Protein backbone atom coordinates (compact mmCIF):
# COMPACT_ATOMS: atom_id res chain seq x y z
CA MET A 1 -14.41 4.68 -23.99
CA PHE A 2 -15.40 4.56 -20.31
CA GLU A 3 -18.96 3.60 -21.19
CA SER A 4 -17.78 0.16 -22.29
CA LEU A 5 -16.36 -0.44 -18.81
CA LEU A 6 -19.66 0.50 -17.22
CA ILE A 7 -21.80 -1.47 -19.64
CA ASN A 8 -19.65 -4.59 -19.83
CA PRO A 9 -19.36 -6.10 -16.33
CA LYS A 10 -16.96 -8.76 -17.64
CA LYS A 11 -14.35 -6.09 -18.41
CA ASN A 12 -14.85 -4.62 -14.91
CA VAL A 13 -14.20 -8.04 -13.39
CA GLU A 14 -11.10 -8.56 -15.56
CA ARG A 15 -9.79 -5.11 -14.60
CA SER A 16 -10.48 -5.78 -10.94
CA LEU A 17 -8.72 -9.16 -11.07
CA SER A 18 -5.65 -7.71 -12.77
CA ILE A 19 -5.45 -4.93 -10.17
CA GLN A 20 -5.81 -7.49 -7.38
CA ALA A 21 -3.12 -9.69 -8.96
CA LEU A 22 -0.70 -6.77 -9.26
CA TYR A 23 -1.54 -5.71 -5.69
CA LEU A 24 -0.79 -9.24 -4.47
CA ILE A 25 2.54 -9.34 -6.34
CA VAL A 26 3.60 -5.95 -4.94
CA ALA A 27 2.66 -6.97 -1.38
CA LEU A 28 4.65 -10.21 -1.74
CA MET A 29 7.65 -8.31 -3.14
CA ILE A 30 7.54 -5.93 -0.16
CA MET A 31 7.41 -8.91 2.18
CA LEU A 32 10.41 -10.44 0.39
CA LEU A 33 12.28 -7.14 0.75
CA GLY A 34 11.62 -7.22 4.51
CA ILE A 35 12.76 -10.85 4.78
CA ILE A 36 15.97 -10.08 2.88
CA HIS A 37 16.52 -7.04 5.10
CA ILE A 38 16.41 -9.22 8.22
CA TRP A 39 18.41 -12.02 6.57
CA ILE A 40 21.37 -9.73 5.78
CA THR A 41 21.57 -8.32 9.32
CA PRO A 42 24.39 -10.68 10.43
CA ARG A 43 26.37 -9.71 7.34
CA VAL A 44 26.01 -5.99 8.03
CA TYR A 45 26.44 -6.18 11.81
CA LYS A 46 28.94 -8.64 13.26
CA SER A 47 27.38 -8.60 16.74
CA MET A 48 24.07 -7.79 18.35
CA THR A 49 24.03 -4.07 18.95
CA GLN A 50 21.42 -1.38 19.31
CA GLU A 51 21.92 -0.54 15.64
CA SER A 52 21.46 -4.16 14.54
CA ILE A 53 18.21 -4.42 16.50
CA TRP A 54 16.93 -1.24 14.84
CA PHE A 55 17.99 -2.67 11.47
CA VAL A 56 15.93 -5.82 12.12
CA SER A 57 12.97 -3.73 13.27
CA GLY A 58 12.92 -2.02 9.87
CA GLY A 59 12.55 -5.40 8.20
CA LEU A 60 9.83 -6.39 10.65
CA ALA A 61 7.93 -3.16 9.93
CA VAL A 62 8.07 -3.84 6.20
CA ILE A 63 6.90 -7.45 6.71
CA SER A 64 4.06 -6.24 8.95
CA ASN A 65 2.97 -3.74 6.32
CA ALA A 66 2.95 -6.41 3.63
CA SER A 67 1.01 -8.78 5.91
CA LEU A 68 -1.62 -6.12 6.54
CA ASN A 69 -2.00 -5.62 2.79
CA LEU A 70 -2.27 -9.36 2.18
CA ALA A 71 -5.08 -9.44 4.74
CA MET A 72 -6.80 -6.52 3.00
CA ILE A 73 -6.57 -8.30 -0.36
CA ASN A 74 -8.58 -11.16 1.14
CA VAL A 75 -11.26 -8.96 2.74
CA LYS A 76 -14.36 -8.93 0.55
CA LEU A 77 -16.12 -6.07 2.36
CA GLU A 78 -15.97 -2.74 0.59
CA THR A 79 -15.53 -0.74 3.77
CA SER A 80 -14.06 -2.16 6.91
CA LEU A 81 -11.82 -0.96 9.69
CA LEU A 82 -9.03 -3.08 8.17
CA ASN A 83 -9.26 -1.09 4.92
CA TYR A 84 -8.85 2.23 6.71
CA ILE A 85 -6.02 0.96 8.91
CA CYS A 86 -4.23 -0.51 5.90
CA ILE A 87 -4.56 2.63 3.79
CA PHE A 88 -3.38 4.80 6.70
CA ASN A 89 -0.43 2.46 7.29
CA ASN A 90 0.50 2.47 3.59
CA VAL A 91 0.49 6.27 3.46
CA LEU A 92 2.64 6.49 6.62
CA ILE A 93 5.19 3.95 5.39
CA PHE A 94 5.26 5.62 1.96
CA ILE A 95 6.00 9.01 3.54
CA PHE A 96 8.61 7.44 5.81
CA SER A 97 10.27 5.70 2.85
CA ILE A 98 10.52 9.03 1.00
CA LEU A 99 12.25 10.54 4.04
CA LEU A 100 14.47 7.46 4.28
CA VAL A 101 15.68 7.93 0.70
CA ARG A 102 16.76 11.46 1.56
CA VAL A 103 18.93 10.08 4.38
CA LEU A 104 19.97 6.78 2.74
CA PRO A 105 19.85 7.20 -1.05
CA ARG A 106 20.54 3.53 -1.78
CA PRO A 107 18.96 1.31 -4.43
CA GLN A 108 17.03 -0.75 -1.87
CA THR A 109 15.48 2.33 -0.26
CA LYS A 110 14.48 3.67 -3.69
CA LEU A 111 12.97 0.26 -4.44
CA LEU A 112 10.98 0.47 -1.21
CA VAL A 113 9.61 3.90 -2.23
CA GLY A 114 8.49 2.49 -5.58
CA PHE A 115 6.87 -0.55 -4.01
CA MET A 116 5.16 1.53 -1.33
CA PHE A 117 3.82 3.95 -3.94
CA LEU A 118 2.39 1.04 -5.92
CA GLU A 119 0.99 -0.65 -2.83
CA THR A 120 -0.68 2.56 -1.67
CA VAL A 121 -2.23 3.30 -5.07
CA LEU A 122 -3.27 -0.31 -5.69
CA GLY A 123 -4.73 -0.59 -2.19
CA LEU A 124 -6.93 2.42 -2.86
CA TRP A 125 -7.73 1.45 -6.44
CA SER A 126 -8.60 -2.16 -5.63
CA LYS A 127 -11.50 -1.02 -3.45
CA VAL A 128 -12.89 1.38 -6.08
CA LYS A 129 -15.59 -0.16 -8.24
């Protein structure tokens, strides 16, 4: 079963492209989640407060994470500092999102955990040949 993947480079390329495509979609969905998070801030908070600024910073952190992953998708080098930084960042945000669900068990935080799990796994898997 696995021998066909090793012998047939075309299947390896197809597998790699489908992983990269899924990785790209997940990163874009995470970015969209961050944009929506910032966009709803005025609806959640009626004035600029310390809490509203922290709320926006959560969206910015999610957008930054997605941006880092989009950069990693475009890096062709197998090992680079960007890869290690991105993987470390994904693991940290994934752990943080798990803790966040314990405090705020809402659908959007559960969605973030799922996306971060996928992004972390796909980020690691996309660099494995």
